[in-house]
Amino acid sequence: MTRNSPNLVAPPVGFHSVLGEPDASGTLNYDELVVYDNNAIRPAYLIIY
């Protein structure tokens, strides 16, 4: 997706998440990945300062 979709409450059929990528004509300001199932989230790194 390249535009905001505030009414989207679930991913499209056949998908588990939605990827938002900004482009010149879209309304997104930064890359984002929306995952709708907490069990599908896996941390890849732990950064400690």
PDB file of N, CA and C in Angstrom:
ATOM      1  N   MET A   1       0.835  -1.176   0.000  1.00  0.00           N
ATOM      2  CA  MET A   1       0.000   0.000   0.000  1.00  0.00           C
ATOM      3  C   MET A   1       0.882   1.241   0.000  1.00  0.00           C
ATOM      4  N   THR A   2       0.407   2.280  -0.622  1.00  0.00           N
ATOM      5  CA  THR A   2       1.140   3.553  -0.615  1.00  0.00           C
ATOM      6  C   THR A   2       0.308   4.681  -0.023  1.00  0.00           C
ATOM      7  N   ARG A   3      -0.919   4.375   0.383  1.00  0.00           N
ATOM      8  CA  ARG A   3      -1.793   5.398   0.951  1.00  0.00           C
ATOM      9  C   ARG A   3      -2.340   4.927   2.303  1.00  0.00           C
ATOM     10  N   ASN A   4      -2.676   5.884   3.161  1.00  0.00           N
ATOM     11  CA  ASN A   4      -3.296   5.555   4.443  1.00  0.00           C
ATOM     12  C   ASN A   4      -4.625   4.857   4.209  1.00  0.00           C
ATOM     13  N   SER A   5      -4.936   3.917   5.066  1.00  0.00           N
ATOM     14  CA  SER A   5      -6.224   3.222   5.006  1.00  0.00           C
ATOM     15  C   SER A   5      -6.704   2.990   6.434  1.00  0.00           C
ATOM     16  N   PRO A   6      -7.208   4.031   7.097  1.00  0.00           N
ATOM     17  CA  PRO A   6      -7.574   3.921   8.511  1.00  0.00           C
ATOM     18  C   PRO A   6      -8.731   2.966   8.784  1.00  0.00           C
ATOM     19  N   ASN A   7      -9.513   2.614   7.776  1.00  0.00           N
ATOM     20  CA  ASN A   7     -10.635   1.702   7.972  1.00  0.00           C
ATOM     21  C   ASN A   7     -10.247   0.232   7.832  1.00  0.00           C
ATOM     22  N   LEU A   8      -9.018  -0.037   7.467  1.00  0.00           N
ATOM     23  CA  LEU A   8      -8.549  -1.412   7.303  1.00  0.00           C
ATOM     24  C   LEU A   8      -8.327  -2.027   8.686  1.00  0.00           C
ATOM     25  N   VAL A   9      -9.107  -3.031   9.035  1.00  0.00           N
ATOM     26  CA  VAL A   9      -9.019  -3.658  10.357  1.00  0.00           C
ATOM     27  C   VAL A   9      -8.523  -5.098  10.272  1.00  0.00           C
ATOM     28  N   ALA A  10      -8.281  -5.589   9.075  1.00  0.00           N
ATOM     29  CA  ALA A  10      -7.766  -6.935   8.869  1.00  0.00           C
ATOM     30  C   ALA A  10      -7.021  -6.948   7.534  1.00  0.00           C
ATOM     31  N   PRO A  11      -6.094  -7.862   7.367  1.00  0.00           N
ATOM     32  CA  PRO A  11      -5.384  -7.927   6.093  1.00  0.00           C
ATOM     33  C   PRO A  11      -6.304  -8.457   4.993  1.00  0.00           C
ATOM     34  N   PRO A  12      -5.950  -8.236   3.737  1.00  0.00           N
ATOM     35  CA  PRO A  12      -6.743  -8.791   2.642  1.00  0.00           C
ATOM     36  C   PRO A  12      -6.769 -10.321   2.724  1.00  0.00           C
ATOM     37  N   VAL A  13      -7.774 -10.929   2.156  1.00  0.00           N
ATOM     38  CA  VAL A  13      -7.911 -12.381   2.175  1.00  0.00           C
ATOM     39  C   VAL A  13      -6.657 -13.033   1.579  1.00  0.00           C
ATOM     40  N   GLY A  14      -6.127 -14.018   2.287  1.00  0.00           N
ATOM     41  CA  GLY A  14      -4.939 -14.724   1.831  1.00  0.00           C
ATOM     42  C   GLY A  14      -3.635 -14.150   2.350  1.00  0.00           C
ATOM     43  N   PHE A  15      -3.701 -13.079   3.146  1.00  0.00           N
ATOM     44  CA  PHE A  15      -2.508 -12.435   3.677  1.00  0.00           C
ATOM     45  C   PHE A  15      -2.597 -12.349   5.195  1.00  0.00           C
ATOM     46  N   HIS A  16      -1.421 -12.217   5.864  1.00  0.00           N
ATOM     47  CA  HIS A  16      -1.363 -12.108   7.322  1.00  0.00           C
ATOM     48  C   HIS A  16      -0.987 -10.713   7.787  1.00  0.00           C
ATOM     49  N   SER A  17      -0.503  -9.876   6.864  1.00  0.00           N
ATOM     50  CA  SER A  17      -0.043  -8.545   7.225  1.00  0.00           C
ATOM     51  C   SER A  17      -0.178  -7.623   6.018  1.00  0.00           C
ATOM     52  N   VAL A  18       0.107  -6.335   6.254  1.00  0.00           N
ATOM     53  CA  VAL A  18       0.059  -5.328   5.198  1.00  0.00           C
ATOM     54  C   VAL A  18       1.349  -4.526   5.255  1.00  0.00           C
ATOM     55  N   LEU A  19       1.978  -4.331   4.112  1.00  0.00           N
ATOM     56  CA  LEU A  19       3.200  -3.538   4.013  1.00  0.00           C
ATOM     57  C   LEU A  19       2.862  -2.185   3.415  1.00  0.00           C
ATOM     58  N   GLY A  20       3.252  -1.128   4.100  1.00  0.00           N
ATOM     59  CA  GLY A  20       3.062   0.228   3.590  1.00  0.00           C
ATOM     60  C   GLY A  20       4.397   0.803   3.177  1.00  0.00           C
ATOM     61  N   GLU A  21       4.493   1.243   1.931  1.00  0.00           N
ATOM     62  CA  GLU A  21       5.724   1.842   1.414  1.00  0.00           C
ATOM     63  C   GLU A  21       5.387   3.208   0.822  1.00  0.00           C
ATOM     64  N   PRO A  22       6.068   4.259   1.280  1.00  0.00           N
ATOM     65  CA  PRO A  22       5.786   5.588   0.746  1.00  0.00           C
ATOM     66  C   PRO A  22       6.291   5.738  -0.692  1.00  0.00           C
ATOM     67  N   ASP A  23       5.599   6.551  -1.452  1.00  0.00           N
ATOM     68  CA  ASP A  23       6.076   6.967  -2.763  1.00  0.00           C
ATOM     69  C   ASP A  23       5.713   8.430  -2.966  1.00  0.00           C
ATOM     70  N   ALA A  24       6.106   9.010  -4.066  1.00  0.00           N
ATOM     71  CA  ALA A  24       5.929  10.445  -4.285  1.00  0.00           C
ATOM     72  C   ALA A  24       4.454  10.856  -4.295  1.00  0.00           C
ATOM     73  N   SER A  25       3.564   9.998  -4.763  1.00  0.00           N
ATOM     74  CA  SER A  25       2.161  10.377  -4.870  1.00  0.00           C
ATOM     75  C   SER A  25       1.307   9.857  -3.713  1.00  0.00           C
ATOM     76  N   GLY A  26       1.894   9.059  -2.822  1.00  0.00           N
ATOM     77  CA  GLY A  26       1.136   8.484  -1.714  1.00  0.00           C
ATOM     78  C   GLY A  26       1.083   9.379  -0.503  1.00  0.00           C
ATOM     79  N   THR A  27       0.386   8.915   0.545  1.00  0.00           N
ATOM     80  CA  THR A  27       0.236   9.714   1.757  1.00  0.00           C
ATOM     81  C   THR A  27       1.050   9.164   2.924  1.00  0.00           C
ATOM     82  N   LEU A  28       1.767   8.067   2.721  1.00  0.00           N
ATOM     83  CA  LEU A  28       2.591   7.523   3.802  1.00  0.00           C
ATOM     84  C   LEU A  28       3.913   8.263   3.885  1.00  0.00           C
ATOM     85  N   ASN A  29       4.383   8.479   5.110  1.00  0.00           N
ATOM     86  CA  ASN A  29       5.644   9.195   5.315  1.00  0.00           C
ATOM     87  C   ASN A  29       6.821   8.263   5.558  1.00  0.00           C
ATOM     88  N   TYR A  30       6.563   7.007   5.910  1.00  0.00           N
ATOM     89  CA  TYR A  30       7.644   6.078   6.236  1.00  0.00           C
ATOM     90  C   TYR A  30       7.169   4.646   5.994  1.00  0.00           C
ATOM     91  N   ASP A  31       8.119   3.712   5.879  1.00  0.00           N
ATOM     92  CA  ASP A  31       7.785   2.297   5.725  1.00  0.00           C
ATOM     93  C   ASP A  31       7.142   1.776   6.996  1.00  0.00           C
ATOM     94  N   GLU A  32       6.158   0.922   6.860  1.00  0.00           N
ATOM     95  CA  GLU A  32       5.561   0.297   8.030  1.00  0.00           C
ATOM     96  C   GLU A  32       5.024  -1.079   7.654  1.00  0.00           C
ATOM     97  N   LEU A  33       5.026  -1.971   8.607  1.00  0.00           N
ATOM     98  CA  LEU A  33       4.475  -3.303   8.435  1.00  0.00           C
ATOM     99  C   LEU A  33       3.448  -3.508   9.531  1.00  0.00           C
ATOM    100  N   VAL A  34       2.204  -3.777   9.151  1.00  0.00           N
ATOM    101  CA  VAL A  34       1.124  -3.972  10.110  1.00  0.00           C
ATOM    102  C   VAL A  34       0.812  -5.460  10.164  1.00  0.00           C
ATOM    103  N   VAL A  35       0.963  -6.043  11.359  1.00  0.00           N
ATOM    104  CA  VAL A  35       0.655  -7.448  11.586  1.00  0.00           C
ATOM    105  C   VAL A  35      -0.561  -7.500  12.501  1.00  0.00           C
ATOM    106  N   TYR A  36      -1.558  -8.262  12.132  1.00  0.00           N
ATOM    107  CA  TYR A  36      -2.827  -8.269  12.857  1.00  0.00           C
ATOM    108  C   TYR A  36      -2.924  -9.373  13.900  1.00  0.00           C
ATOM    109  N   ASP A  37      -1.950 -10.272  13.951  1.00  0.00           N
ATOM    110  CA  ASP A  37      -1.961 -11.379  14.913  1.00  0.00           C
ATOM    111  C   ASP A  37      -0.709 -11.278  15.775  1.00  0.00           C
ATOM    112  N   ASN A  38      -0.869 -11.045  17.077  1.00  0.00           N
ATOM    113  CA  ASN A  38       0.283 -10.915  17.977  1.00  0.00           C
ATOM    114  C   ASN A  38       1.179 -12.145  17.970  1.00  0.00           C
ATOM    115  N   ASN A  39       0.635 -13.314  17.705  1.00  0.00           N
ATOM    116  CA  ASN A  39       1.440 -14.536  17.675  1.00  0.00           C
ATOM    117  C   ASN A  39       2.350 -14.603  16.452  1.00  0.00           C
ATOM    118  N   ALA A  40       2.128 -13.751  15.475  1.00  0.00           N
ATOM    119  CA  ALA A  40       2.952 -13.748  14.268  1.00  0.00           C
ATOM    120  C   ALA A  40       4.166 -12.829  14.393  1.00  0.00           C
ATOM    121  N   ILE A  41       4.286 -12.128  15.502  1.00  0.00           N
ATOM    122  CA  ILE A  41       5.388 -11.189  15.686  1.00  0.00           C
ATOM    123  C   ILE A  41       6.539 -11.898  16.385  1.00  0.00           C
ATOM    124  N   ARG A  42       7.703 -11.855  15.779  1.00  0.00           N
ATOM    125  CA  ARG A  42       8.890 -12.467  16.352  1.00  0.00           C
ATOM    126  C   ARG A  42      10.029 -11.444  16.357  1.00  0.00           C
ATOM    127  N   PRO A  43      10.572 -11.154  17.521  1.00  0.00           N
ATOM    128  CA  PRO A  43      11.710 -10.216  17.540  1.00  0.00           C
ATOM    129  C   PRO A  43      12.923 -10.826  16.845  1.00  0.00           C
ATOM    130  N   ALA A  44      13.617 -10.013  16.081  1.00  0.00           N
ATOM    131  CA  ALA A  44      14.805 -10.472  15.376  1.00  0.00           C
ATOM    132  C   ALA A  44      16.086 -10.063  16.095  1.00  0.00           C
ATOM    133  N   TYR A  45      16.066  -8.932  16.797  1.00  0.00           N
ATOM    134  CA  TYR A  45      17.255  -8.427  17.458  1.00  0.00           C
ATOM    135  C   TYR A  45      16.895  -7.833  18.810  1.00  0.00           C
ATOM    136  N   LEU A  46      17.842  -7.852  19.712  1.00  0.00           N
ATOM    137  CA  LEU A  46      17.722  -7.173  20.992  1.00  0.00           C
ATOM    138  C   LEU A  46      18.885  -6.213  21.094  1.00  0.00           C
ATOM    139  N   ILE A  47      18.578  -4.939  21.202  1.00  0.00           N
ATOM    140  CA  ILE A  47      19.615  -3.919  21.285  1.00  0.00           C
ATOM    141  C   ILE A  47      19.601  -3.358  22.705  1.00  0.00           C
ATOM    142  N   ILE A  48      20.725  -3.423  23.377  1.00  0.00           N
ATOM    143  CA  ILE A  48      20.842  -2.925  24.740  1.00  0.00           C
ATOM    144  C   ILE A  48      21.873  -1.802  24.756  1.00  0.00           C
ATOM    145  N   TYR A  49      21.515  -0.669  25.348  1.00  0.00           N
ATOM    146  CA  TYR A  49      22.436   0.471  25.443  1.00  0.00           C
ATOM    147  C   TYR A  49      23.013   0.549  26.825  1.00  0.00           C
TER     148      TYR A  49
END
